[in-house]
Amino acid sequence: MTTHNASPATRPAPAGRASGAAEHARPLGLRFIVAVTNEPWQDHDAARTAERWATLCAEHGDPGLGAAVTHGPALHDAVAEIRALFSETAPHAAARTLNAALAAAGCPPELVQLPDGRWATRPSLPNDAPAATVYGTLAAAALADWFAERGRPAWGRCAAARCDQVFLDEGRRAPQRFCSPSCATRTRVAAHRLSTAG
């Protein structure tokens, strides 16, 4: 099977180690999956969907994948499936879901050499794979690797009111509940105001 030299599903950098342009220069991986999952695809028409897919691929290190066909409904469905997985915190249930996704993808891992000379593994993808397949396959592989590394489904959906963003739990102690410090602060302030009202 002819495969596309997609960038590998890499782990996120430790907190505080990468940001801005350096973060965007990382190969396609977990942060790409989070960005695609949090993109409001339902608000985009066909042209905007193609534009945003290409932009996200370029920002996260693999502009070549930006040429994948972006059939809106298929991409929406793929994102919905992965978004649901971000709500799954039970290890065995998450493992079953990921194993099923990996089996359905049928894309065995392969070694590829990155532009900087490093070697990495990533799923082999057909050259003509549409965006939904690319995203779903990379998401299953990246999240499975992250699960294995952390020993649990180290991810979640933001607990803040009016926020449905997904996130990677990179903490080492208590499980993360919010997608960002701003959401955590907003929730604490609202709780304090409620407790002191009246």
N, C-alpha and C. Protein backbone atom coordinates (compact mmCIF):
# COMPACT_ATOMS: atom_id res chain seq x y z
N MET A 1 0.85 -1.19 0.00
CA MET A 1 0.00 0.00 0.00
C MET A 1 0.88 1.24 0.00
N THR A 2 0.58 2.18 -0.87
CA THR A 2 1.31 3.44 -0.90
C THR A 2 0.89 4.28 0.28
N THR A 3 1.83 4.81 1.00
CA THR A 3 1.50 5.55 2.20
C THR A 3 1.99 6.97 2.12
N HIS A 4 1.35 7.80 2.92
CA HIS A 4 1.68 9.22 3.00
C HIS A 4 2.67 9.41 4.12
N ASN A 5 3.67 10.22 3.92
CA ASN A 5 4.65 10.47 4.97
C ASN A 5 4.11 11.46 5.98
N ALA A 6 3.07 11.02 6.69
CA ALA A 6 2.50 11.85 7.75
C ALA A 6 3.47 11.93 8.91
N SER A 7 3.42 13.01 9.64
CA SER A 7 4.28 13.14 10.80
C SER A 7 3.78 12.22 11.90
N PRO A 8 4.62 11.87 12.85
CA PRO A 8 4.25 10.90 13.86
C PRO A 8 3.33 11.47 14.91
N ALA A 9 2.64 10.57 15.62
CA ALA A 9 1.82 10.96 16.75
C ALA A 9 2.74 11.08 17.95
N THR A 10 3.18 12.26 18.23
CA THR A 10 4.17 12.45 19.27
C THR A 10 3.54 12.90 20.57
N ARG A 11 4.28 12.71 21.65
CA ARG A 11 3.78 13.12 22.95
C ARG A 11 3.90 14.63 23.08
N PRO A 12 3.07 15.25 23.97
CA PRO A 12 3.18 16.69 24.17
C PRO A 12 4.43 17.02 24.95
N ALA A 13 4.90 18.25 24.75
CA ALA A 13 6.07 18.70 25.52
C ALA A 13 5.66 18.94 26.95
N PRO A 14 6.56 18.77 27.92
CA PRO A 14 6.23 19.08 29.30
C PRO A 14 5.80 20.52 29.43
N ALA A 15 4.90 20.76 30.39
CA ALA A 15 4.37 22.11 30.57
C ALA A 15 5.51 23.09 30.78
N GLY A 16 5.41 24.23 30.10
CA GLY A 16 6.40 25.28 30.25
C GLY A 16 7.62 25.12 29.38
N ARG A 17 7.69 24.05 28.58
CA ARG A 17 8.88 23.81 27.78
C ARG A 17 8.74 24.28 26.34
N ALA A 18 7.50 24.42 25.87
CA ALA A 18 7.31 24.83 24.48
C ALA A 18 6.07 25.69 24.37
N SER A 19 6.14 26.73 23.55
CA SER A 19 4.98 27.59 23.35
C SER A 19 5.17 28.36 22.07
N GLY A 20 4.07 29.00 21.61
CA GLY A 20 4.16 29.85 20.45
C GLY A 20 4.66 29.12 19.23
N ALA A 21 5.61 29.75 18.51
CA ALA A 21 6.11 29.17 17.27
C ALA A 21 6.78 27.83 17.51
N ALA A 22 7.47 27.69 18.64
CA ALA A 22 8.13 26.41 18.92
C ALA A 22 7.11 25.31 19.07
N GLU A 23 5.99 25.61 19.72
CA GLU A 23 4.96 24.61 19.89
C GLU A 23 4.35 24.23 18.54
N HIS A 24 4.10 25.22 17.69
CA HIS A 24 3.51 24.95 16.39
C HIS A 24 4.46 24.16 15.49
N ALA A 25 5.75 24.21 15.77
CA ALA A 25 6.72 23.51 14.95
C ALA A 25 6.81 22.03 15.29
N ARG A 26 6.15 21.60 16.36
CA ARG A 26 6.19 20.19 16.73
C ARG A 26 5.51 19.35 15.67
N PRO A 27 5.96 18.09 15.48
CA PRO A 27 5.31 17.22 14.51
C PRO A 27 3.87 16.95 14.89
N LEU A 28 3.10 16.58 13.89
CA LEU A 28 1.69 16.26 14.10
C LEU A 28 1.55 15.25 15.23
N GLY A 29 0.66 15.44 16.16
CA GLY A 29 0.51 14.53 17.28
C GLY A 29 -0.64 14.92 18.18
N LEU A 30 -0.43 14.76 19.49
CA LEU A 30 -1.50 14.97 20.44
C LEU A 30 -2.07 16.38 20.41
N ARG A 31 -1.22 17.37 20.31
CA ARG A 31 -1.75 18.74 20.31
C ARG A 31 -2.53 19.03 19.03
N PHE A 32 -2.14 18.40 17.95
CA PHE A 32 -2.93 18.51 16.72
C PHE A 32 -4.32 17.90 16.94
N ILE A 33 -4.37 16.74 17.58
CA ILE A 33 -5.65 16.08 17.84
C ILE A 33 -6.55 16.97 18.70
N VAL A 34 -5.99 17.58 19.73
CA VAL A 34 -6.77 18.47 20.59
C VAL A 34 -7.27 19.67 19.79
N ALA A 35 -6.41 20.25 18.96
CA ALA A 35 -6.80 21.42 18.18
C ALA A 35 -7.93 21.09 17.20
N VAL A 36 -7.82 19.95 16.52
CA VAL A 36 -8.86 19.57 15.58
C VAL A 36 -10.16 19.26 16.33
N THR A 37 -10.07 18.61 17.47
CA THR A 37 -11.26 18.26 18.23
C THR A 37 -11.97 19.51 18.75
N ASN A 38 -11.20 20.53 19.10
CA ASN A 38 -11.80 21.76 19.65
C ASN A 38 -12.22 22.76 18.58
N GLU A 39 -11.90 22.49 17.33
CA GLU A 39 -12.31 23.40 16.25
C GLU A 39 -13.83 23.34 16.06
N PRO A 40 -14.51 24.49 15.93
CA PRO A 40 -15.97 24.50 15.76
C PRO A 40 -16.38 24.16 14.31
N TRP A 41 -16.16 22.92 13.91
CA TRP A 41 -16.43 22.52 12.53
C TRP A 41 -17.88 22.74 12.13
N GLN A 42 -18.78 22.63 13.09
CA GLN A 42 -20.20 22.79 12.77
C GLN A 42 -20.53 24.20 12.29
N ASP A 43 -19.66 25.14 12.57
CA ASP A 43 -19.89 26.53 12.15
C ASP A 43 -19.29 26.85 10.78
N HIS A 44 -18.59 25.88 10.18
CA HIS A 44 -17.86 26.15 8.94
C HIS A 44 -18.59 25.59 7.72
N ASP A 45 -18.55 26.35 6.63
CA ASP A 45 -19.03 25.80 5.37
C ASP A 45 -17.89 24.99 4.76
N ALA A 46 -18.12 24.45 3.55
CA ALA A 46 -17.14 23.55 2.95
C ALA A 46 -15.79 24.23 2.73
N ALA A 47 -15.82 25.47 2.24
CA ALA A 47 -14.57 26.19 1.97
C ALA A 47 -13.82 26.47 3.26
N ARG A 48 -14.53 26.91 4.28
CA ARG A 48 -13.89 27.22 5.56
C ARG A 48 -13.35 25.95 6.22
N THR A 49 -14.06 24.83 6.08
CA THR A 49 -13.59 23.56 6.62
C THR A 49 -12.26 23.17 6.00
N ALA A 50 -12.17 23.26 4.68
CA ALA A 50 -10.92 22.92 3.99
C ALA A 50 -9.81 23.87 4.41
N GLU A 51 -10.12 25.15 4.54
CA GLU A 51 -9.11 26.13 4.94
C GLU A 51 -8.58 25.87 6.34
N ARG A 52 -9.49 25.60 7.28
CA ARG A 52 -9.07 25.38 8.66
C ARG A 52 -8.29 24.07 8.80
N TRP A 53 -8.70 23.04 8.07
CA TRP A 53 -7.96 21.77 8.13
C TRP A 53 -6.53 21.99 7.65
N ALA A 54 -6.38 22.67 6.52
CA ALA A 54 -5.04 22.92 5.97
C ALA A 54 -4.21 23.75 6.94
N THR A 55 -4.83 24.75 7.57
CA THR A 55 -4.11 25.61 8.50
C THR A 55 -3.64 24.83 9.72
N LEU A 56 -4.51 24.00 10.28
CA LEU A 56 -4.14 23.23 11.46
C LEU A 56 -3.02 22.24 11.15
N CYS A 57 -3.08 21.61 9.98
CA CYS A 57 -2.02 20.68 9.59
C CYS A 57 -0.69 21.42 9.48
N ALA A 58 -0.71 22.59 8.86
CA ALA A 58 0.51 23.37 8.69
C ALA A 58 1.05 23.85 10.04
N GLU A 59 0.16 24.33 10.90
CA GLU A 59 0.59 24.84 12.20
C GLU A 59 1.21 23.76 13.07
N HIS A 60 0.78 22.53 12.88
CA HIS A 60 1.26 21.44 13.74
C HIS A 60 2.27 20.54 13.04
N GLY A 61 2.85 21.02 11.95
CA GLY A 61 4.03 20.36 11.44
C GLY A 61 3.91 19.51 10.20
N ASP A 62 2.72 19.39 9.59
CA ASP A 62 2.61 18.57 8.38
C ASP A 62 1.68 19.21 7.37
N PRO A 63 2.15 20.24 6.66
CA PRO A 63 1.30 20.91 5.67
C PRO A 63 0.85 19.98 4.55
N GLY A 64 1.60 18.91 4.29
CA GLY A 64 1.21 17.98 3.23
C GLY A 64 -0.14 17.34 3.47
N LEU A 65 -0.45 17.07 4.74
CA LEU A 65 -1.75 16.46 5.05
C LEU A 65 -2.90 17.44 4.87
N GLY A 66 -2.58 18.72 4.76
CA GLY A 66 -3.63 19.71 4.57
C GLY A 66 -4.36 19.58 3.25
N ALA A 67 -3.77 18.81 2.32
CA ALA A 67 -4.41 18.61 1.02
C ALA A 67 -5.45 17.50 1.05
N ALA A 68 -5.57 16.79 2.18
CA ALA A 68 -6.56 15.71 2.27
C ALA A 68 -7.97 16.26 2.06
N VAL A 69 -8.80 15.49 1.40
CA VAL A 69 -10.18 15.91 1.12
C VAL A 69 -10.95 16.05 2.43
N THR A 70 -11.60 17.19 2.61
CA THR A 70 -12.33 17.46 3.85
C THR A 70 -13.83 17.39 3.61
N HIS A 71 -14.36 16.17 3.59
CA HIS A 71 -15.81 16.01 3.48
C HIS A 71 -16.40 16.34 4.85
N GLY A 72 -17.12 17.46 4.93
CA GLY A 72 -17.59 17.97 6.20
C GLY A 72 -18.29 16.98 7.12
N PRO A 73 -19.37 16.33 6.66
CA PRO A 73 -20.08 15.39 7.54
C PRO A 73 -19.19 14.28 8.08
N ALA A 74 -18.31 13.73 7.26
CA ALA A 74 -17.43 12.66 7.72
C ALA A 74 -16.46 13.17 8.78
N LEU A 75 -15.92 14.36 8.58
CA LEU A 75 -15.01 14.93 9.57
C LEU A 75 -15.76 15.23 10.86
N HIS A 76 -16.98 15.75 10.75
CA HIS A 76 -17.78 16.02 11.95
C HIS A 76 -18.00 14.74 12.74
N ASP A 77 -18.33 13.64 12.05
CA ASP A 77 -18.59 12.37 12.72
C ASP A 77 -17.33 11.85 13.41
N ALA A 78 -16.19 11.97 12.73
CA ALA A 78 -14.93 11.51 13.31
C ALA A 78 -14.59 12.31 14.56
N VAL A 79 -14.79 13.61 14.50
CA VAL A 79 -14.50 14.46 15.65
C VAL A 79 -15.44 14.13 16.81
N ALA A 80 -16.71 13.86 16.51
CA ALA A 80 -17.67 13.51 17.56
C ALA A 80 -17.25 12.23 18.28
N GLU A 81 -16.74 11.26 17.54
CA GLU A 81 -16.30 10.01 18.15
C GLU A 81 -15.12 10.24 19.08
N ILE A 82 -14.15 11.02 18.64
CA ILE A 82 -12.98 11.29 19.47
C ILE A 82 -13.35 12.17 20.65
N ARG A 83 -14.25 13.13 20.44
CA ARG A 83 -14.70 13.98 21.54
C ARG A 83 -15.35 13.15 22.64
N ALA A 84 -16.13 12.16 22.25
CA ALA A 84 -16.75 11.28 23.24
C ALA A 84 -15.69 10.53 24.03
N LEU A 85 -14.61 10.13 23.35
CA LEU A 85 -13.54 9.41 24.03
C LEU A 85 -12.88 10.28 25.09
N PHE A 86 -12.80 11.59 24.86
CA PHE A 86 -12.20 12.47 25.85
C PHE A 86 -13.03 12.53 27.14
N SER A 87 -14.28 12.07 27.09
CA SER A 87 -15.11 12.01 28.30
C SER A 87 -14.94 10.70 29.04
N GLU A 88 -14.27 9.75 28.43
CA GLU A 88 -14.11 8.42 29.02
C GLU A 88 -12.90 8.39 29.93
N THR A 89 -13.12 8.19 31.22
CA THR A 89 -12.02 8.16 32.18
C THR A 89 -11.80 6.78 32.78
N ALA A 90 -12.67 5.82 32.49
CA ALA A 90 -12.49 4.46 32.99
C ALA A 90 -11.46 3.75 32.11
N PRO A 91 -10.36 3.29 32.67
CA PRO A 91 -9.27 2.72 31.87
C PRO A 91 -9.69 1.59 30.93
N HIS A 92 -10.43 0.61 31.42
CA HIS A 92 -10.76 -0.53 30.58
C HIS A 92 -11.71 -0.14 29.45
N ALA A 93 -12.66 0.76 29.74
CA ALA A 93 -13.57 1.22 28.70
C ALA A 93 -12.83 2.02 27.64
N ALA A 94 -11.93 2.89 28.08
CA ALA A 94 -11.15 3.68 27.12
C ALA A 94 -10.26 2.78 26.28
N ALA A 95 -9.66 1.77 26.91
CA ALA A 95 -8.80 0.85 26.17
C ALA A 95 -9.59 0.08 25.12
N ARG A 96 -10.78 -0.36 25.46
CA ARG A 96 -11.61 -1.09 24.48
C ARG A 96 -11.95 -0.19 23.30
N THR A 97 -12.31 1.05 23.58
CA THR A 97 -12.66 1.98 22.50
C THR A 97 -11.47 2.24 21.60
N LEU A 98 -10.31 2.47 22.19
CA LEU A 98 -9.11 2.74 21.41
C LEU A 98 -8.68 1.52 20.60
N ASN A 99 -8.75 0.34 21.20
CA ASN A 99 -8.38 -0.87 20.47
C ASN A 99 -9.29 -1.10 19.28
N ALA A 100 -10.58 -0.82 19.46
CA ALA A 100 -11.53 -0.97 18.35
C ALA A 100 -11.21 0.03 17.24
N ALA A 101 -10.87 1.26 17.63
CA ALA A 101 -10.53 2.28 16.64
C ALA A 101 -9.26 1.92 15.88
N LEU A 102 -8.27 1.41 16.58
CA LEU A 102 -7.02 1.02 15.94
C LEU A 102 -7.24 -0.14 14.98
N ALA A 103 -8.07 -1.11 15.38
CA ALA A 103 -8.35 -2.25 14.52
C ALA A 103 -9.12 -1.81 13.28
N ALA A 104 -10.07 -0.89 13.46
CA ALA A 104 -10.87 -0.42 12.33
C ALA A 104 -10.02 0.38 11.35
N ALA A 105 -9.04 1.10 11.86
CA ALA A 105 -8.20 1.91 10.98
C ALA A 105 -7.36 1.04 10.05
N GLY A 106 -6.89 -0.08 10.56
CA GLY A 106 -6.10 -0.99 9.73
C GLY A 106 -4.83 -0.38 9.18
N CYS A 107 -4.23 0.53 9.92
CA CYS A 107 -3.00 1.20 9.48
C CYS A 107 -1.87 0.84 10.43
N PRO A 108 -1.06 -0.15 10.10
CA PRO A 108 0.01 -0.56 11.01
C PRO A 108 1.03 0.56 11.18
N PRO A 109 1.73 0.57 12.31
CA PRO A 109 2.75 1.60 12.52
C PRO A 109 3.95 1.37 11.62
N GLU A 110 4.62 2.44 11.28
CA GLU A 110 5.83 2.34 10.49
C GLU A 110 6.83 3.38 10.98
N LEU A 111 8.11 3.11 10.73
CA LEU A 111 9.15 4.06 11.09
C LEU A 111 9.33 5.07 9.96
N VAL A 112 9.43 6.34 10.34
CA VAL A 112 9.69 7.39 9.37
C VAL A 112 10.78 8.30 9.93
N GLN A 113 11.54 8.90 9.04
CA GLN A 113 12.57 9.84 9.47
C GLN A 113 12.04 11.26 9.31
N LEU A 114 12.14 12.04 10.36
CA LEU A 114 11.64 13.40 10.37
C LEU A 114 12.65 14.33 9.70
N PRO A 115 12.21 15.52 9.31
CA PRO A 115 13.12 16.46 8.64
C PRO A 115 14.38 16.77 9.44
N ASP A 116 14.29 16.70 10.79
CA ASP A 116 15.47 17.00 11.60
C ASP A 116 16.36 15.79 11.81
N GLY A 117 16.03 14.66 11.16
CA GLY A 117 16.87 13.48 11.24
C GLY A 117 16.43 12.45 12.27
N ARG A 118 15.54 12.84 13.20
CA ARG A 118 15.06 11.88 14.19
C ARG A 118 14.17 10.82 13.54
N TRP A 119 14.09 9.65 14.17
CA TRP A 119 13.19 8.59 13.72
C TRP A 119 12.01 8.50 14.69
N ALA A 120 10.86 8.19 14.13
CA ALA A 120 9.66 8.05 14.95
C ALA A 120 8.71 7.07 14.29
N THR A 121 7.74 6.59 15.06
CA THR A 121 6.71 5.72 14.50
C THR A 121 5.42 6.50 14.35
N ARG A 122 4.64 6.13 13.35
CA ARG A 122 3.31 6.69 13.16
C ARG A 122 2.51 5.74 12.29
N PRO A 123 1.20 5.86 12.27
CA PRO A 123 0.39 4.96 11.43
C PRO A 123 0.67 5.21 9.96
N SER A 124 0.71 4.15 9.18
CA SER A 124 0.83 4.31 7.73
C SER A 124 -0.54 4.72 7.20
N LEU A 125 -0.55 5.71 6.34
CA LEU A 125 -1.81 6.24 5.81
C LEU A 125 -1.76 6.23 4.28
N PRO A 126 -2.84 5.80 3.63
CA PRO A 126 -2.87 5.88 2.17
C PRO A 126 -2.74 7.32 1.69
N ASN A 127 -2.14 7.50 0.53
CA ASN A 127 -1.98 8.84 -0.02
C ASN A 127 -3.30 9.56 -0.20
N ASP A 128 -4.35 8.80 -0.50
CA ASP A 128 -5.64 9.43 -0.78
C ASP A 128 -6.57 9.42 0.43
N ALA A 129 -6.04 9.19 1.63
CA ALA A 129 -6.89 9.16 2.82
C ALA A 129 -7.54 10.53 3.04
N PRO A 130 -8.87 10.57 3.24
CA PRO A 130 -9.53 11.86 3.50
C PRO A 130 -9.21 12.36 4.90
N ALA A 131 -9.53 13.60 5.15
CA ALA A 131 -9.20 14.23 6.43
C ALA A 131 -9.79 13.47 7.61
N ALA A 132 -11.01 12.99 7.47
CA ALA A 132 -11.64 12.27 8.58
C ALA A 132 -10.86 11.02 8.95
N THR A 133 -10.36 10.29 7.94
CA THR A 133 -9.57 9.09 8.20
C THR A 133 -8.22 9.44 8.80
N VAL A 134 -7.58 10.47 8.27
CA VAL A 134 -6.29 10.92 8.80
C VAL A 134 -6.43 11.28 10.27
N TYR A 135 -7.41 12.10 10.57
CA TYR A 135 -7.63 12.55 11.94
C TYR A 135 -7.97 11.38 12.86
N GLY A 136 -8.93 10.54 12.47
CA GLY A 136 -9.34 9.44 13.33
C GLY A 136 -8.21 8.46 13.60
N THR A 137 -7.43 8.16 12.57
CA THR A 137 -6.32 7.21 12.73
C THR A 137 -5.22 7.79 13.61
N LEU A 138 -4.82 9.03 13.35
CA LEU A 138 -3.79 9.66 14.16
C LEU A 138 -4.26 9.85 15.61
N ALA A 139 -5.54 10.17 15.79
CA ALA A 139 -6.07 10.36 17.13
C ALA A 139 -6.01 9.06 17.93
N ALA A 140 -6.45 7.95 17.33
CA ALA A 140 -6.43 6.68 18.04
C ALA A 140 -5.01 6.29 18.41
N ALA A 141 -4.08 6.45 17.48
CA ALA A 141 -2.69 6.07 17.76
C ALA A 141 -2.07 6.97 18.82
N ALA A 142 -2.27 8.28 18.71
CA ALA A 142 -1.67 9.22 19.65
C ALA A 142 -2.23 9.04 21.05
N LEU A 143 -3.55 8.88 21.15
CA LEU A 143 -4.17 8.72 22.46
C LEU A 143 -3.81 7.38 23.09
N ALA A 144 -3.67 6.34 22.27
CA ALA A 144 -3.26 5.04 22.80
C ALA A 144 -1.85 5.13 23.37
N ASP A 145 -0.94 5.80 22.67
CA ASP A 145 0.42 5.97 23.16
C ASP A 145 0.44 6.77 24.46
N TRP A 146 -0.36 7.82 24.51
CA TRP A 146 -0.43 8.67 25.70
C TRP A 146 -1.00 7.89 26.88
N PHE A 147 -2.03 7.11 26.64
CA PHE A 147 -2.63 6.24 27.66
C PHE A 147 -1.56 5.30 28.22
N ALA A 148 -0.82 4.64 27.33
CA ALA A 148 0.20 3.69 27.77
C ALA A 148 1.30 4.38 28.58
N GLU A 149 1.68 5.58 28.15
CA GLU A 149 2.74 6.30 28.85
C GLU A 149 2.31 6.73 30.23
N ARG A 150 1.07 7.24 30.34
CA ARG A 150 0.60 7.75 31.63
C ARG A 150 -0.04 6.68 32.50
N GLY A 151 -0.41 5.54 31.90
CA GLY A 151 -1.03 4.47 32.67
C GLY A 151 -2.50 4.68 32.97
N ARG A 152 -3.11 5.62 32.28
CA ARG A 152 -4.53 5.93 32.48
C ARG A 152 -4.98 6.82 31.33
N PRO A 153 -6.30 7.00 31.17
CA PRO A 153 -6.79 7.94 30.15
C PRO A 153 -6.54 9.37 30.63
N ALA A 154 -5.36 9.90 30.34
CA ALA A 154 -4.95 11.21 30.86
C ALA A 154 -5.44 12.32 29.95
N TRP A 155 -6.74 12.50 29.97
CA TRP A 155 -7.37 13.54 29.16
C TRP A 155 -8.74 13.84 29.75
N GLY A 156 -9.45 14.81 29.18
CA GLY A 156 -10.77 15.12 29.70
C GLY A 156 -11.44 16.23 28.91
N ARG A 157 -12.63 16.59 29.38
CA ARG A 157 -13.38 17.71 28.83
C ARG A 157 -13.57 18.73 29.93
N CYS A 158 -13.45 19.98 29.59
CA CYS A 158 -13.44 21.06 30.57
C CYS A 158 -14.71 21.04 31.44
N ALA A 159 -14.51 21.20 32.76
CA ALA A 159 -15.62 21.19 33.70
C ALA A 159 -16.23 22.57 33.90
N ALA A 160 -15.68 23.59 33.27
CA ALA A 160 -16.21 24.95 33.42
C ALA A 160 -17.55 25.09 32.70
N ALA A 161 -18.41 25.88 33.27
CA ALA A 161 -19.69 26.15 32.63
C ALA A 161 -19.47 26.84 31.30
N ARG A 162 -20.27 26.48 30.31
CA ARG A 162 -20.23 27.08 28.97
C ARG A 162 -18.91 26.83 28.24
N CYS A 163 -18.19 25.77 28.62
CA CYS A 163 -16.97 25.41 27.90
C CYS A 163 -17.00 23.91 27.65
N ASP A 164 -16.75 23.53 26.40
CA ASP A 164 -16.76 22.12 26.04
C ASP A 164 -15.44 21.70 25.40
N GLN A 165 -14.37 22.43 25.71
CA GLN A 165 -13.07 22.12 25.13
C GLN A 165 -12.50 20.84 25.74
N VAL A 166 -11.75 20.10 24.93
CA VAL A 166 -11.06 18.92 25.45
C VAL A 166 -9.62 19.31 25.78
N PHE A 167 -8.96 18.49 26.58
CA PHE A 167 -7.58 18.80 26.97
C PHE A 167 -6.83 17.52 27.29
N LEU A 168 -5.50 17.63 27.31
CA LEU A 168 -4.62 16.57 27.77
C LEU A 168 -4.28 16.83 29.22
N ASP A 169 -4.37 15.81 30.05
CA ASP A 169 -4.03 15.94 31.46
C ASP A 169 -2.55 15.64 31.61
N GLU A 170 -1.75 16.69 31.76
CA GLU A 170 -0.30 16.54 31.88
C GLU A 170 0.18 16.66 33.32
N GLY A 171 -0.79 16.73 34.27
CA GLY A 171 -0.42 16.83 35.68
C GLY A 171 0.11 15.53 36.24
N ARG A 172 0.77 15.62 37.35
CA ARG A 172 1.35 14.44 38.00
C ARG A 172 0.64 14.11 39.30
N ARG A 173 -0.27 14.94 39.73
CA ARG A 173 -0.93 14.72 41.02
C ARG A 173 -2.43 14.56 40.80
N ALA A 174 -3.21 15.55 41.22
CA ALA A 174 -4.67 15.45 41.08
C ALA A 174 -5.05 15.53 39.61
N PRO A 175 -6.08 14.77 39.20
CA PRO A 175 -6.53 14.83 37.81
C PRO A 175 -6.93 16.25 37.41
N GLN A 176 -6.61 16.64 36.21
CA GLN A 176 -6.95 17.96 35.69
C GLN A 176 -8.43 18.02 35.38
N ARG A 177 -9.06 19.16 35.66
CA ARG A 177 -10.50 19.31 35.43
C ARG A 177 -10.84 20.38 34.39
N PHE A 178 -9.89 21.27 34.11
CA PHE A 178 -10.17 22.39 33.24
C PHE A 178 -9.19 22.44 32.08
N CYS A 179 -9.65 23.04 30.98
CA CYS A 179 -8.81 23.11 29.78
C CYS A 179 -7.75 24.19 29.88
N SER A 180 -7.95 25.16 30.78
CA SER A 180 -7.03 26.29 30.86
C SER A 180 -7.11 26.93 32.24
N PRO A 181 -6.07 27.68 32.64
CA PRO A 181 -6.13 28.41 33.92
C PRO A 181 -7.30 29.39 33.97
N SER A 182 -7.64 29.99 32.83
CA SER A 182 -8.74 30.97 32.83
C SER A 182 -10.07 30.32 33.18
N CYS A 183 -10.30 29.11 32.65
CA CYS A 183 -11.54 28.40 32.99
C CYS A 183 -11.56 27.99 34.45
N ALA A 184 -10.42 27.57 34.98
CA ALA A 184 -10.33 27.19 36.39
C ALA A 184 -10.60 28.39 37.28
N THR A 185 -10.00 29.54 36.93
CA THR A 185 -10.19 30.75 37.72
C THR A 185 -11.63 31.23 37.67
N ARG A 186 -12.21 31.21 36.47
CA ARG A 186 -13.60 31.64 36.32
C ARG A 186 -14.54 30.79 37.15
N THR A 187 -14.28 29.48 37.20
CA THR A 187 -15.13 28.57 37.97
C THR A 187 -14.97 28.83 39.47
N ARG A 188 -13.74 29.05 39.93
CA ARG A 188 -13.51 29.33 41.35
C ARG A 188 -14.17 30.65 41.77
N VAL A 189 -14.05 31.66 40.92
CA VAL A 189 -14.66 32.96 41.24
C VAL A 189 -16.18 32.82 41.32
N ALA A 190 -16.77 32.10 40.37
CA ALA A 190 -18.22 31.91 40.38
C ALA A 190 -18.67 31.15 41.62
N ALA A 191 -17.91 30.13 42.01
CA ALA A 191 -18.25 29.35 43.20
C ALA A 191 -18.14 30.21 44.45
N HIS A 192 -17.12 31.06 44.52
CA HIS A 192 -16.94 31.94 45.68
C HIS A 192 -18.09 32.94 45.77
N ARG A 193 -18.45 33.52 44.64
CA ARG A 193 -19.56 34.49 44.66
C ARG A 193 -20.85 33.83 45.09
N LEU A 194 -21.08 32.61 44.65
CA LEU A 194 -22.29 31.89 45.02
C LEU A 194 -22.31 31.59 46.51
N SER A 195 -21.15 31.22 47.05
CA SER A 195 -21.09 30.88 48.48
C SER A 195 -21.25 32.08 49.39
N THR A 196 -20.89 33.28 48.87
CA THR A 196 -20.98 34.47 49.70
C THR A 196 -22.22 35.30 49.42
N ALA A 197 -23.02 34.88 48.44
CA ALA A 197 -24.23 35.64 48.09
C ALA A 197 -25.22 35.58 49.24
N GLY A 198 -25.83 36.72 49.54
CA GLY A 198 -26.85 36.77 50.55
C GLY A 198 -26.25 36.65 51.95
